[in-house]
Protein backbone atom coordinates (compact mmCIF):
# COMPACT_ATOMS: atom_id res chain seq x y z
CA MET A 1 57.92 -35.94 -53.24
CA GLU A 2 58.84 -35.83 -57.01
CA ASN A 3 60.27 -32.17 -56.33
CA PHE A 4 62.53 -33.73 -53.53
CA THR A 5 63.57 -36.42 -55.65
CA ASP A 6 64.28 -34.11 -58.58
CA TRP A 7 66.31 -31.54 -55.88
CA LEU A 8 68.33 -34.71 -54.58
CA MET A 9 69.22 -35.82 -57.86
CA GLY A 10 70.04 -32.56 -59.57
CA ASP A 11 73.28 -31.30 -60.79
CA GLU A 12 74.09 -28.87 -58.15
CA SER A 13 72.87 -30.83 -55.13
CA SER A 14 74.68 -33.93 -56.24
CA LEU A 15 77.95 -32.00 -56.65
CA TRP A 16 77.43 -30.67 -52.76
CA THR A 17 76.92 -34.27 -51.85
CA LEU A 18 80.18 -35.28 -53.60
CA PHE A 19 82.17 -32.43 -52.08
CA PHE A 20 80.95 -33.46 -48.59
CA SER A 21 81.64 -36.97 -49.13
CA SER A 22 85.07 -36.20 -50.55
CA PHE A 23 86.01 -34.01 -47.72
CA LEU A 24 84.61 -36.34 -45.22
CA GLY A 25 86.18 -39.32 -46.59
CA ALA A 26 89.87 -37.65 -46.29
CA THR A 27 89.39 -37.17 -42.60
CA VAL A 28 89.65 -39.78 -39.97
CA LEU A 29 85.80 -40.16 -40.70
CA PRO A 30 85.01 -43.14 -43.14
CA GLY A 31 83.29 -42.22 -46.32
CA GLY A 32 82.51 -43.73 -49.79
CA SER A 33 83.22 -40.93 -52.12
CA GLU A 34 84.49 -42.89 -54.72
CA ALA A 35 81.29 -44.69 -54.92
CA VAL A 36 79.40 -41.38 -54.60
CA LEU A 37 81.61 -40.20 -57.73
CA PHE A 38 80.52 -43.06 -59.70
CA VAL A 39 76.95 -42.90 -58.99
CA LEU A 40 76.82 -39.14 -59.63
CA LEU A 41 78.57 -39.88 -63.19
CA LYS A 42 76.19 -42.48 -64.10
CA LEU A 43 73.30 -40.18 -63.49
CA HIS A 44 74.96 -36.97 -64.86
CA PRO A 45 77.89 -37.86 -67.25
CA GLN A 46 77.98 -34.28 -68.65
CA LEU A 47 79.31 -33.35 -65.21
CA LEU A 48 82.63 -35.51 -65.60
CA TRP A 49 85.03 -32.66 -65.54
CA LEU A 50 83.26 -30.52 -62.71
CA ALA A 51 82.43 -33.62 -60.27
CA LEU A 52 86.49 -34.67 -60.60
CA LEU A 53 87.23 -31.33 -59.76
CA THR A 54 84.73 -31.21 -56.88
CA ALA A 55 85.86 -34.64 -55.31
CA THR A 56 89.43 -33.99 -55.75
CA ILE A 57 89.17 -30.39 -54.03
CA GLY A 58 86.99 -31.79 -51.43
CA ASN A 59 89.33 -34.36 -50.71
CA THR A 60 92.37 -32.20 -50.79
CA LEU A 61 90.58 -30.11 -48.39
CA GLY A 62 89.87 -32.53 -46.11
CA ALA A 63 93.22 -34.19 -46.00
CA MET A 64 94.54 -30.88 -45.21
CA THR A 65 92.50 -30.85 -42.14
CA SER A 66 94.07 -33.90 -41.23
CA TYR A 67 97.40 -32.07 -41.74
CA MET A 68 96.33 -29.06 -39.85
CA LEU A 69 95.24 -31.57 -36.67
CA GLY A 70 98.51 -32.91 -37.20
CA ARG A 71 100.06 -29.64 -36.09
CA LEU A 72 98.17 -29.74 -32.94
CA PHE A 73 100.00 -33.06 -31.73
CA PRO A 74 102.85 -32.51 -29.10
CA LYS A 75 106.21 -33.53 -30.41
CA ASP A 76 107.02 -36.42 -28.40
CA ARG A 77 104.45 -38.86 -30.67
CA HIS A 78 106.26 -40.86 -33.14
CA HIS A 79 104.79 -43.05 -35.67
CA ARG A 80 106.09 -45.24 -39.06
CA SER A 81 104.43 -42.40 -41.27
CA VAL A 82 106.42 -39.72 -39.71
CA GLU A 83 109.85 -41.64 -40.24
CA TRP A 84 108.47 -42.05 -43.99
CA LEU A 85 108.14 -38.55 -44.29
CA GLN A 86 111.14 -37.53 -42.84
CA ARG A 87 112.89 -39.77 -45.19
CA HIS A 88 111.16 -38.99 -48.42
CA GLY A 89 109.78 -35.56 -47.96
CA SER A 90 106.52 -34.03 -49.13
CA PRO A 91 106.18 -36.30 -52.41
CA VAL A 92 104.84 -39.23 -50.29
CA LEU A 93 101.68 -37.45 -49.84
CA LEU A 94 100.80 -38.47 -53.35
CA LEU A 95 99.73 -41.54 -51.12
CA ALA A 96 97.51 -39.47 -49.30
CA TRP A 97 94.58 -41.35 -51.09
CA ALA A 98 95.72 -44.81 -49.83
CA PRO A 99 93.29 -46.65 -47.42
CA LEU A 100 94.75 -46.94 -44.05
CA ILE A 101 98.01 -44.96 -44.57
CA GLY A 102 96.65 -41.71 -46.09
CA ASP A 103 95.09 -40.48 -43.33
CA ALA A 104 98.19 -41.08 -41.05
CA LEU A 105 100.35 -39.23 -43.66
CA CYS A 106 98.63 -36.07 -43.78
CA VAL A 107 98.53 -35.98 -39.99
CA ALA A 108 102.36 -36.87 -40.00
CA ALA A 109 102.81 -34.15 -42.60
CA GLY A 110 101.11 -31.49 -40.29
CA TRP A 111 102.98 -32.93 -37.12
CA LEU A 112 106.47 -32.48 -39.07
CA ARG A 113 105.37 -28.97 -40.09
CA ILE A 114 105.92 -30.16 -44.02
CA ASN A 115 105.27 -26.96 -46.03
CA PRO A 116 101.47 -26.66 -46.42
CA TRP A 117 101.85 -25.76 -50.18
CA HIS A 118 104.12 -28.63 -51.02
CA ALA A 119 101.82 -30.86 -49.11
CA ALA A 120 98.58 -29.83 -50.45
CA LEU A 121 100.36 -29.81 -53.94
CA PHE A 122 101.31 -33.58 -53.50
CA MET A 123 97.86 -34.51 -52.07
CA LEU A 124 95.89 -32.73 -55.01
CA LEU A 125 97.86 -34.64 -57.52
CA GLY A 126 97.60 -37.94 -55.76
CA LYS A 127 93.72 -37.59 -55.13
CA GLY A 128 93.08 -36.29 -58.73
CA ALA A 129 94.88 -39.21 -60.26
CA ARG A 130 92.61 -41.69 -58.14
CA TYR A 131 89.43 -39.62 -58.80
CA GLY A 132 90.40 -39.85 -62.10
CA VAL A 133 90.55 -43.58 -62.57
CA VAL A 134 87.18 -43.80 -60.73
CA ALA A 135 85.46 -41.18 -63.19
CA PHE A 136 86.74 -42.42 -66.43
CA ALA A 137 85.75 -46.18 -65.05
CA SER A 138 82.41 -44.83 -64.65
CA THR A 139 82.31 -43.43 -68.62
């Protein structure tokens, strides 16, 4: 059993756990990727930059999955987040990390057919900032 524990707490498997947690946490599924990042960095502080990058990329890819789902919705749907995105454009996606509204913003961005590169960039910046706060709080 000790070998399994060593594997589970190893650098590589911890990073994969963080990636999947951050990916799923950015979709409509609940997740606690911030807690996973915090614990990972307490156990492996030498992974600060790699863990920050892993969480940010995983969470951004999860958000882009929500974006792609939004592209599948029929155009007759309307939501407050759609109006906000129409008014302010892709920079609103800096808030894609926010609880409750973040997922709706990502789906709405896809529904509105906002440029996917712009969407991904603003999601990446907002999510990276959030994970940066968590990462540096753990050190």
